């Protein structure tokens, strides 16, 4: 009896734990009164208790996957040491542990093709729902803005207000955090559409492009369209891909015409309380000035110089702000807030943990790159059937990594969409590392079809 390609599934326990984590992380609930913990903490605790043995084996004996996860946790320790030694408020160390558990669970469960397809479909639907809810806040405002604030507990966390007409945000974070999902999740929808040729995934793709337009983060839009062009050139069925690109272009132009001129504007009193600009992507691109670009570049340059002046554990926020504003500037909390960080995740790793933080970041990115190269070699030689998911996941990872060049969030903050794309890429890597090459001696019948393996990664014998 032989395994049916593409039908291998992960165990039900791991699958349902992962589904629960995805839902509660993308749709968070506020801290429970009297307990002081958010519900997601209990689900992570259940994952550690019920699935901890398998996760620990993955964390310490899975090559590149182990390296990425352990380096993430090492950076967490450096970050805590920075806050402790600098006398600042120590951040939540549990967020890096939760990200590590999430990546491990994704890499394990999604290394089985049939289960991976289920999870990718769930992620695309989650992204579409986030955009639709954000659109309700954008066009209508209340009561949807208050629902979002309740879910994020904005009054306690101090999160800046999102309202009618402002850049749309997700139910789990601010607009610049949402931009990571919008830069990468469309490629998951592209992969599903190329594989299944179903209209629903094309509709989901258009919805995500709507989100990109209303989110109005310029960097995410730029890396997304670069990724689309790359994907069009690299995937098979180029004529179909050009059609897909045309649909995206028409959707973007249509959104500009239908929404751009009708975008609501808040009243002056409400707008003064909002942290994010009004208008769409077209408005923000049109409003980009040379001075703004120069300021962003200088924030990054000053970030590098401040780390070099404090190489062991990195500068404090005040030291970084003085680097930006100059030694003679009158320092205030408001000025410090304006130059909170260098607007570059890779430089910010040094600001948070000094040169050791940079070294850990380089090692983590190197491990990811080596995993991607090993996966590419497997696709070219023995796993041609994984070409589409490999390309879509790789471009998705590059999109979030590219977006991090212009924002402080990223793999080490850790940012949710980045952790998701990294987990999916490492799941593919784990699949090709586990499967016997003998399974791939015959060419795949369909380049868009995926293949699977048995629950233990060994081909069942007759």
Protein backbone atom coordinates (compact mmCIF):
# COMPACT_ATOMS: atom_id res chain seq x y z
CA UNK A 1 0.00 0.00 0.00
CA UNK A 2 1.48 3.35 -1.01
CA UNK A 3 0.78 6.83 0.28
CA UNK A 4 -1.47 9.06 -1.77
CA UNK A 5 0.49 12.19 -2.77
CA UNK A 6 -0.77 15.33 -1.08
CA UNK A 7 -3.04 13.51 1.39
CA UNK A 8 -0.76 13.15 4.44
CA UNK A 9 -2.06 15.07 7.43
CA UNK A 10 -0.74 16.14 10.79
CA UNK A 11 -2.31 14.79 13.95
CA UNK A 12 -5.62 16.29 15.06
CA UNK A 13 -4.16 17.66 18.31
CA UNK A 14 -1.46 19.71 16.60
CA UNK A 15 -3.88 20.91 13.93
CA UNK A 16 -6.51 22.16 16.36
CA UNK A 17 -3.93 23.77 18.63
CA UNK A 18 -2.54 25.66 15.63
CA UNK A 19 -6.01 26.70 14.45
CA UNK A 20 -6.78 27.98 17.94
CA UNK A 21 -3.51 29.93 18.13
CA UNK A 22 -4.07 31.51 14.72
CA UNK A 23 -7.59 32.63 15.61
CA UNK A 24 -6.77 33.98 19.05
CA UNK A 25 -3.62 35.77 17.87
CA UNK A 26 -5.25 37.46 14.89
CA UNK A 27 -8.49 38.10 16.80
CA UNK A 28 -7.22 38.80 20.33
CA UNK A 29 -9.39 39.17 23.39
CA UNK A 30 -8.64 41.65 26.18
CA UNK A 31 -7.04 40.74 29.48
CA UNK A 32 -9.39 38.86 31.78
CA UNK A 33 -10.42 41.02 34.77
CA UNK A 34 -9.14 39.79 38.10
CA UNK A 35 -6.60 37.47 36.48
CA UNK A 36 -4.41 39.89 34.59
CA UNK A 37 -3.80 37.51 31.68
CA UNK A 38 -5.15 37.46 28.14
CA UNK A 39 -6.95 34.27 27.02
CA UNK A 40 -4.22 33.49 24.48
CA UNK A 41 -1.81 32.77 27.35
CA UNK A 42 -3.96 29.83 28.44
CA UNK A 43 -3.97 28.40 24.92
CA UNK A 44 -0.19 28.67 24.73
CA UNK A 45 0.02 26.96 28.10
CA UNK A 46 -2.17 24.15 26.77
CA UNK A 47 0.12 23.85 23.74
CA UNK A 48 3.15 23.51 26.00
CA UNK A 49 1.47 20.94 28.24
CA UNK A 50 -0.13 18.82 25.52
CA UNK A 51 2.40 19.23 22.72
CA UNK A 52 5.51 20.31 24.61
CA UNK A 53 7.46 17.08 24.16
CA UNK A 54 7.23 17.22 20.39
CA UNK A 55 7.93 20.96 20.32
CA UNK A 56 11.05 20.55 22.45
CA UNK A 57 12.38 17.85 20.13
CA UNK A 58 11.78 20.15 17.17
CA UNK A 59 13.45 23.05 18.95
CA UNK A 60 16.68 21.17 19.65
CA UNK A 61 17.03 18.68 16.79
CA UNK A 62 15.66 20.25 13.61
CA UNK A 63 18.63 21.98 12.02
CA UNK A 64 17.70 25.34 10.51
CA UNK A 65 14.33 25.38 12.30
CA UNK A 66 16.08 24.91 15.64
CA UNK A 67 18.56 27.66 14.82
CA UNK A 68 15.85 30.22 13.99
CA UNK A 69 13.81 29.46 17.11
CA UNK A 70 16.74 29.35 19.53
CA UNK A 71 18.23 32.55 18.12
CA UNK A 72 14.84 34.23 18.57
CA UNK A 73 14.86 33.21 22.23
CA UNK A 74 18.50 34.31 22.61
CA UNK A 75 17.60 37.75 21.31
CA UNK A 76 14.82 37.88 23.89
CA UNK A 77 17.40 37.39 26.64
CA UNK A 78 19.61 40.13 25.18
CA UNK A 79 16.60 42.45 25.00
CA UNK A 80 15.76 41.78 28.65
CA UNK A 81 19.40 42.33 29.64
CA UNK A 82 19.38 45.68 27.80
CA UNK A 83 16.30 46.87 29.70
CA UNK A 84 17.62 45.59 33.05
CA UNK A 85 21.12 47.05 32.73
CA UNK A 86 19.86 50.34 31.34
CA UNK A 87 17.30 50.73 34.10
CA UNK A 88 14.32 50.74 31.78
CA UNK A 89 11.02 48.92 31.97
CA UNK A 90 11.53 45.24 31.19
CA UNK A 91 9.30 44.17 28.33
CA UNK A 92 7.16 41.07 28.21
CA UNK A 93 9.57 38.12 27.79
CA UNK A 94 6.66 35.81 27.02
CA UNK A 95 6.08 37.31 23.58
CA UNK A 96 9.26 35.76 22.17
CA UNK A 97 8.43 32.40 23.74
CA UNK A 98 4.94 32.54 22.23
CA UNK A 99 6.42 33.38 18.83
CA UNK A 100 8.83 30.43 19.12
CA UNK A 101 5.99 28.03 20.00
CA UNK A 102 3.90 29.41 17.12
CA UNK A 103 6.71 28.98 14.57
CA UNK A 104 7.46 25.45 15.79
CA UNK A 105 3.80 24.45 15.61
CA UNK A 106 3.45 25.93 12.12
CA UNK A 107 6.61 24.19 10.92
CA UNK A 108 5.43 20.86 12.32
CA UNK A 109 1.75 20.83 11.37
CA UNK A 110 2.23 22.46 7.95
CA UNK A 111 4.99 20.08 6.91
CA UNK A 112 2.15 17.71 5.92
CA UNK A 113 0.73 18.95 2.58
CA UNK A 114 -2.98 18.33 3.13
CA UNK A 115 -2.88 20.06 6.50
CA UNK A 116 -0.78 22.88 5.09
CA UNK A 117 -3.43 23.63 2.50
CA UNK A 118 -6.07 23.82 5.24
CA UNK A 119 -3.97 26.24 7.29
CA UNK A 120 -3.10 28.43 4.29
CA UNK A 121 -6.80 28.68 3.41
CA UNK A 122 -7.56 29.67 7.00
CA UNK A 123 -4.84 32.34 6.94
CA UNK A 124 -6.15 33.85 3.70
CA UNK A 125 -9.68 34.00 5.11
CA UNK A 126 -8.34 35.54 8.33
CA UNK A 127 -6.57 38.22 6.29
CA UNK A 128 -9.72 38.94 4.26
CA UNK A 129 -11.86 39.26 7.42
CA UNK A 130 -9.29 41.65 8.92
CA UNK A 131 -9.52 43.84 5.82
CA UNK A 132 -13.33 43.78 5.78
CA UNK A 133 -13.54 44.77 9.43
CA UNK A 134 -10.92 47.48 8.94
CA UNK A 135 -12.96 48.78 6.00
CA UNK A 136 -16.02 49.08 8.24
CA UNK A 137 -13.98 51.24 10.61
CA UNK A 138 -12.68 53.28 7.67
CA UNK A 139 -16.05 53.98 6.04
CA UNK A 140 -18.47 53.87 8.99
CA UNK A 141 -16.46 54.32 12.18
CA UNK A 142 -18.62 53.51 15.19
CA UNK A 143 -19.46 51.04 16.62
CA UNK A 144 -16.72 49.12 14.81
CA UNK A 145 -13.91 51.37 16.04
CA UNK A 146 -15.01 50.77 19.64
CA UNK A 147 -15.19 47.01 19.08
CA UNK A 148 -11.61 47.08 17.83
CA UNK A 149 -10.49 49.19 20.79
CA UNK A 150 -12.16 46.74 23.18
CA UNK A 151 -10.43 43.74 21.60
CA UNK A 152 -7.06 45.49 21.84
CA UNK A 153 -7.87 47.06 25.20
CA UNK A 154 -6.55 50.35 23.82
CA UNK A 155 -7.47 52.35 26.90
CA UNK A 156 -5.04 50.28 28.97
CA UNK A 157 -2.28 49.69 26.44
CA UNK A 158 -2.09 53.29 25.30
CA UNK A 159 -2.47 52.32 21.65
CA UNK A 160 -3.09 55.30 19.44
CA UNK A 161 -6.64 55.77 18.21
CA UNK A 162 -7.88 54.45 14.87
CA UNK A 163 -11.13 55.92 13.56
CA UNK A 164 -13.24 56.71 10.54
CA UNK A 165 -11.16 57.72 7.56
CA UNK A 166 -7.75 56.95 9.08
CA UNK A 167 -5.41 54.28 7.72
CA UNK A 168 -7.09 50.93 8.31
CA UNK A 169 -5.63 48.74 11.02
CA UNK A 170 -6.08 45.14 11.98
CA UNK A 171 -7.85 43.73 15.00
CA UNK A 172 -4.45 42.80 16.44
CA UNK A 173 -2.33 45.91 15.84
CA UNK A 174 -1.70 49.33 14.39
CA UNK A 175 -1.65 50.16 10.65
CA UNK A 176 2.09 49.68 10.27
CA UNK A 177 1.79 46.24 11.90
CA UNK A 178 -1.14 45.35 9.64
CA UNK A 179 1.00 46.27 6.62
CA UNK A 180 3.13 43.14 7.14
CA UNK A 181 0.09 40.92 6.65
CA UNK A 182 -1.03 42.92 3.62
CA UNK A 183 2.42 42.70 2.03
CA UNK A 184 2.65 38.91 2.40
CA UNK A 185 -0.75 37.18 2.68
CA UNK A 186 -1.80 38.08 -0.89
CA UNK A 187 0.90 35.65 -2.05
CA UNK A 188 -0.83 32.88 -0.10
CA UNK A 189 -4.02 33.72 -2.02
CA UNK A 190 -2.05 33.70 -5.28
CA UNK A 191 -0.72 30.24 -4.48
CA UNK A 192 -4.21 28.91 -3.76
CA UNK A 193 -5.59 30.44 -6.95
CA UNK A 194 -2.79 29.04 -9.11
CA UNK A 195 -3.32 25.60 -7.61
CA UNK A 196 -7.11 25.35 -7.41
CA UNK A 197 -8.22 27.90 -10.05
CA UNK A 198 -11.20 28.85 -7.86
CA UNK A 199 -12.80 32.28 -8.00
CA UNK A 200 -12.97 32.56 -4.20
CA UNK A 201 -9.18 32.90 -3.95
CA UNK A 202 -9.14 35.57 -6.65
CA UNK A 203 -11.83 37.45 -4.72
CA UNK A 204 -9.79 37.08 -1.52
CA UNK A 205 -6.78 38.46 -3.38
CA UNK A 206 -8.75 41.52 -4.51
CA UNK A 207 -9.96 42.07 -0.92
CA UNK A 208 -6.37 41.96 0.35
CA UNK A 209 -5.34 44.46 -2.34
CA UNK A 210 -8.20 46.67 -1.10
CA UNK A 211 -6.62 46.44 2.34
CA UNK A 212 -3.24 47.40 0.92
CA UNK A 213 -4.84 50.47 -0.66
CA UNK A 214 -6.70 51.59 2.48
CA UNK A 215 -3.86 50.71 4.84
CA UNK A 216 -1.81 53.29 2.92
CA UNK A 217 1.61 52.10 4.09
CA UNK A 218 3.89 52.91 1.18
CA UNK A 219 6.64 50.41 1.97
CA UNK A 220 4.27 47.43 2.08
CA UNK A 221 2.71 48.42 -1.25
CA UNK A 222 6.15 48.76 -2.83
CA UNK A 223 7.44 45.36 -1.67
CA UNK A 224 4.13 43.71 -2.61
CA UNK A 225 4.22 44.89 -6.22
CA UNK A 226 7.90 43.97 -6.55
CA UNK A 227 6.97 40.51 -5.28
CA UNK A 228 4.11 40.23 -7.77
CA UNK A 229 6.40 41.03 -10.69
CA UNK A 230 8.94 38.48 -9.48
CA UNK A 231 6.25 35.83 -9.08
CA UNK A 232 4.87 36.46 -12.57
CA UNK A 233 8.31 35.85 -14.08
CA UNK A 234 9.15 32.77 -12.02
CA UNK A 235 5.98 30.70 -11.97
CA UNK A 236 4.79 28.45 -14.83
CA UNK A 237 1.71 29.28 -16.94
CA UNK A 238 2.97 32.79 -17.62
CA UNK A 239 -0.08 33.77 -19.67
CA UNK A 240 -2.34 32.99 -16.71
CA UNK A 241 -0.03 34.93 -14.41
CA UNK A 242 -0.12 37.98 -16.67
CA UNK A 243 -3.91 37.77 -16.52
CA UNK A 244 -3.65 37.68 -12.73
CA UNK A 245 -1.39 40.73 -12.79
CA UNK A 246 -3.89 42.53 -15.03
CA UNK A 247 -6.68 41.75 -12.53
CA UNK A 248 -4.58 43.23 -9.73
CA UNK A 249 -3.80 46.34 -11.76
CA UNK A 250 -7.46 46.85 -12.68
CA UNK A 251 -8.50 46.27 -9.07
CA UNK A 252 -5.99 48.86 -7.90
CA UNK A 253 -7.09 51.43 -10.48
CA UNK A 254 -10.74 50.73 -9.72
CA UNK A 255 -10.17 51.21 -6.01
CA UNK A 256 -8.42 54.48 -6.69
CA UNK A 257 -11.40 55.76 -8.67
CA UNK A 258 -14.19 54.38 -6.46
CA UNK A 259 -12.66 54.95 -3.06
CA UNK A 260 -10.05 57.63 -3.50
CA UNK A 261 -12.56 60.40 -4.17
CA UNK A 262 -15.04 59.12 -1.57
CA UNK A 263 -12.69 58.48 1.34
CA UNK A 264 -14.37 59.84 4.48
CA UNK A 265 -12.69 62.48 6.55
CA UNK A 266 -13.04 62.79 10.26
CA UNK A 267 -14.17 65.97 11.96
CA UNK A 268 -11.28 68.11 13.27
CA UNK A 269 -11.87 67.16 16.92
CA UNK A 270 -11.73 63.44 16.17
CA UNK A 271 -8.82 63.79 13.78
CA UNK A 272 -6.74 65.53 16.44
CA UNK A 273 -6.97 62.40 18.62
CA UNK A 274 -5.93 60.00 15.88
CA UNK A 275 -2.39 58.85 15.47
CA UNK A 276 -2.46 57.95 11.81
CA UNK A 277 -2.99 59.99 8.67
CA UNK A 278 -6.18 60.11 6.66
CA UNK A 279 -6.45 59.21 3.00
CA UNK A 280 -5.53 56.27 0.81
CA UNK A 281 -2.30 54.91 -0.61
CA UNK A 282 -2.48 57.29 -3.56
CA UNK A 283 -2.81 60.27 -1.21
CA UNK A 284 0.19 59.20 0.85
CA UNK A 285 2.40 58.54 -2.16
CA UNK A 286 1.42 61.93 -3.54
CA UNK A 287 2.23 63.58 -0.23
CA UNK A 288 5.70 62.07 0.07
CA UNK A 289 8.35 64.78 0.24
CA UNK A 290 12.12 64.78 -0.09
CA UNK A 291 12.41 66.06 3.49
CA UNK A 292 10.43 63.08 4.78
CA UNK A 293 12.66 60.63 2.93
CA UNK A 294 15.82 62.36 4.19
CA UNK A 295 14.52 62.30 7.78
CA UNK A 296 13.77 58.57 7.55
CA UNK A 297 17.24 57.86 6.19
CA UNK A 298 18.86 59.94 8.92
CA UNK A 299 16.90 58.12 11.63
CA UNK A 300 18.52 54.93 10.37
CA UNK A 301 21.99 56.47 10.11
CA UNK A 302 21.73 57.80 13.66
CA UNK A 303 20.55 54.37 14.78
CA UNK A 304 23.76 52.82 13.47
CA UNK A 305 26.00 55.48 15.02
CA UNK A 306 24.22 55.23 18.39
CA UNK A 307 24.82 51.47 18.47
CA UNK A 308 28.49 51.91 17.59
CA UNK A 309 28.81 54.35 20.51
CA UNK A 310 27.20 51.82 22.88
CA UNK A 311 28.20 48.49 21.32
CA UNK A 312 27.77 46.09 24.23
CA UNK A 313 24.10 46.49 25.10
CA UNK A 314 22.88 49.29 22.83
CA UNK A 315 21.73 52.85 23.60
CA UNK A 316 18.80 53.90 25.72
CA UNK A 317 15.91 55.67 24.03
CA UNK A 318 17.19 58.99 25.40
CA UNK A 319 20.69 58.32 24.02
CA UNK A 320 19.30 57.45 20.62
CA UNK A 321 17.08 60.54 20.66
CA UNK A 322 20.07 62.73 21.53
CA UNK A 323 21.94 61.22 18.59
CA UNK A 324 19.09 62.27 16.30
CA UNK A 325 18.35 65.68 17.82
CA UNK A 326 21.91 66.67 18.70
CA UNK A 327 23.60 67.12 22.04
CA UNK A 328 22.49 70.73 22.37
CA UNK A 329 18.79 70.05 21.78
CA UNK A 330 16.30 70.65 24.57
CA UNK A 331 15.14 67.15 25.43
CA UNK A 332 11.51 66.32 26.16
CA UNK A 333 9.28 63.27 26.21
CA UNK A 334 7.40 64.51 23.14
CA UNK A 335 10.61 64.81 21.14
CA UNK A 336 11.72 61.36 22.28
CA UNK A 337 8.42 59.92 21.08
CA UNK A 338 8.99 61.38 17.61
CA UNK A 339 12.33 59.59 17.30
CA UNK A 340 11.38 56.49 19.24
CA UNK A 341 13.37 54.13 17.00
CA UNK A 342 15.26 54.16 13.67
CA UNK A 343 12.35 52.89 11.52
CA UNK A 344 14.40 49.89 10.42
CA UNK A 345 13.99 46.56 12.17
CA UNK A 346 17.52 45.42 11.39
CA UNK A 347 19.10 48.55 12.82
CA UNK A 348 16.64 48.50 15.71
CA UNK A 349 17.92 45.04 16.71
CA UNK A 350 21.22 46.75 17.52
CA UNK A 351 19.49 49.60 19.33
CA UNK A 352 17.70 47.02 21.49
CA UNK A 353 20.66 44.68 22.10
CA UNK A 354 23.87 46.27 20.83
CA UNK A 355 26.31 44.58 18.48
CA UNK A 356 25.46 41.14 19.99
CA UNK A 357 21.89 41.74 18.83
CA UNK A 358 23.13 42.37 15.31
CA UNK A 359 25.20 39.18 15.39
CA UNK A 360 22.20 37.13 16.53
CA UNK A 361 20.06 38.73 13.81
CA UNK A 362 22.65 37.94 11.11
CA UNK A 363 22.86 34.33 12.32
CA UNK A 364 19.06 34.02 12.22
CA UNK A 365 18.79 35.48 8.72
CA UNK A 366 21.66 33.24 7.58
CA UNK A 367 19.81 30.16 8.87
CA UNK A 368 16.65 31.24 7.06
CA UNK A 369 18.59 31.87 3.86
CA UNK A 370 20.29 28.45 4.05
CA UNK A 371 16.91 26.79 4.61
CA UNK A 372 15.52 28.63 1.59
CA UNK A 373 18.49 27.59 -0.55
CA UNK A 374 18.15 23.95 0.52
CA UNK A 375 14.45 24.12 -0.29
CA UNK A 376 15.16 25.64 -3.70
CA UNK A 377 17.65 22.86 -4.50
CA UNK A 378 15.08 20.23 -3.50
CA UNK A 379 12.42 21.85 -5.70
CA UNK A 380 14.78 21.90 -8.68
CA UNK A 381 15.98 18.31 -8.25
CA UNK A 382 13.40 16.15 -6.52
CA UNK A 383 10.35 18.16 -5.42
CA UNK A 384 9.14 19.96 -8.55
CA UNK A 385 5.57 19.57 -7.30
CA UNK A 386 6.33 22.06 -4.49
CA UNK A 387 7.36 24.83 -6.88
CA UNK A 388 4.25 27.00 -6.41
CA UNK A 389 4.13 26.94 -2.59
CA UNK A 390 7.91 27.37 -2.47
CA UNK A 391 7.74 30.50 -4.63
CA UNK A 392 4.72 31.98 -2.83
CA UNK A 393 6.13 31.36 0.66
CA UNK A 394 9.58 32.63 -0.33
CA UNK A 395 8.19 35.83 -1.86
CA UNK A 396 5.96 36.27 1.20
CA UNK A 397 8.97 36.02 3.51
CA UNK A 398 10.91 38.48 1.36
CA UNK A 399 7.92 40.86 1.46
CA UNK A 400 7.79 40.99 5.26
CA UNK A 401 11.57 41.20 5.46
CA UNK A 402 11.57 44.03 2.92
CA UNK A 403 8.83 45.87 4.79
CA UNK A 404 10.96 45.64 7.94
CA UNK A 405 13.58 47.84 6.26
CA UNK A 406 11.18 50.76 6.77
CA UNK A 407 9.54 49.80 10.07
CA UNK A 408 10.68 48.80 13.54
CA UNK A 409 8.70 45.55 13.69
CA UNK A 410 10.03 42.28 12.34
CA UNK A 411 11.07 38.76 13.19
CA UNK A 412 12.68 39.79 16.49
CA UNK A 413 9.93 42.07 17.85
CA UNK A 414 8.30 39.49 17.09
CA UNK A 415 5.73 40.48 14.44
CA UNK A 416 2.84 38.07 13.78
CA UNK A 417 2.71 37.97 9.97
CA UNK A 418 6.50 37.61 9.83
CA UNK A 419 6.38 34.67 12.24
CA UNK A 420 3.62 33.13 10.11
CA UNK A 421 5.52 33.36 6.83
CA UNK A 422 8.75 32.11 8.42
CA UNK A 423 6.87 29.16 9.94
CA UNK A 424 5.33 28.24 6.58
CA UNK A 425 8.68 28.40 4.77
CA UNK A 426 10.32 26.25 7.43
CA UNK A 427 7.41 23.80 7.18
CA UNK A 428 8.24 23.26 3.50
CA UNK A 429 11.92 22.90 4.39
CA UNK A 430 11.04 20.33 7.03
CA UNK A 431 8.94 18.35 4.55
CA UNK A 432 11.72 18.04 1.98
CA UNK A 433 14.24 17.19 4.71
CA UNK A 434 12.02 14.43 6.02
CA UNK A 435 10.81 12.80 2.81
CA UNK A 436 12.85 10.03 1.16
CA UNK A 437 14.22 11.06 -2.23
CA UNK A 438 12.94 7.81 -3.71
CA UNK A 439 9.45 9.29 -3.56
CA UNK A 440 10.44 11.89 -6.13
CA UNK A 441 12.06 9.75 -8.83
CA UNK A 442 9.01 10.12 -11.09
CA UNK A 443 8.07 13.59 -12.39
CA UNK A 444 5.06 15.19 -10.77
CA UNK A 445 1.87 14.89 -12.85
CA UNK A 446 0.94 18.50 -12.21
CA UNK A 447 3.35 21.24 -11.28
CA UNK A 448 0.70 22.84 -9.10
CA UNK A 449 0.01 19.69 -7.10
CA UNK A 450 1.68 19.01 -3.78
CA UNK A 451 2.83 15.68 -2.48
CA UNK A 452 2.73 14.23 1.00
CA UNK A 453 4.21 11.61 3.23
CA UNK A 454 3.24 9.32 6.01
CA UNK A 455 2.75 10.56 9.57
CA UNK A 456 6.32 9.61 10.46
CA UNK A 457 7.86 10.86 7.27
CA UNK A 458 8.51 7.35 5.93
CA UNK A 459 6.89 5.98 2.82
CA UNK A 460 4.49 3.16 3.69
CA UNK A 461 5.53 -0.14 2.20
CA UNK A 462 3.33 -2.71 0.53
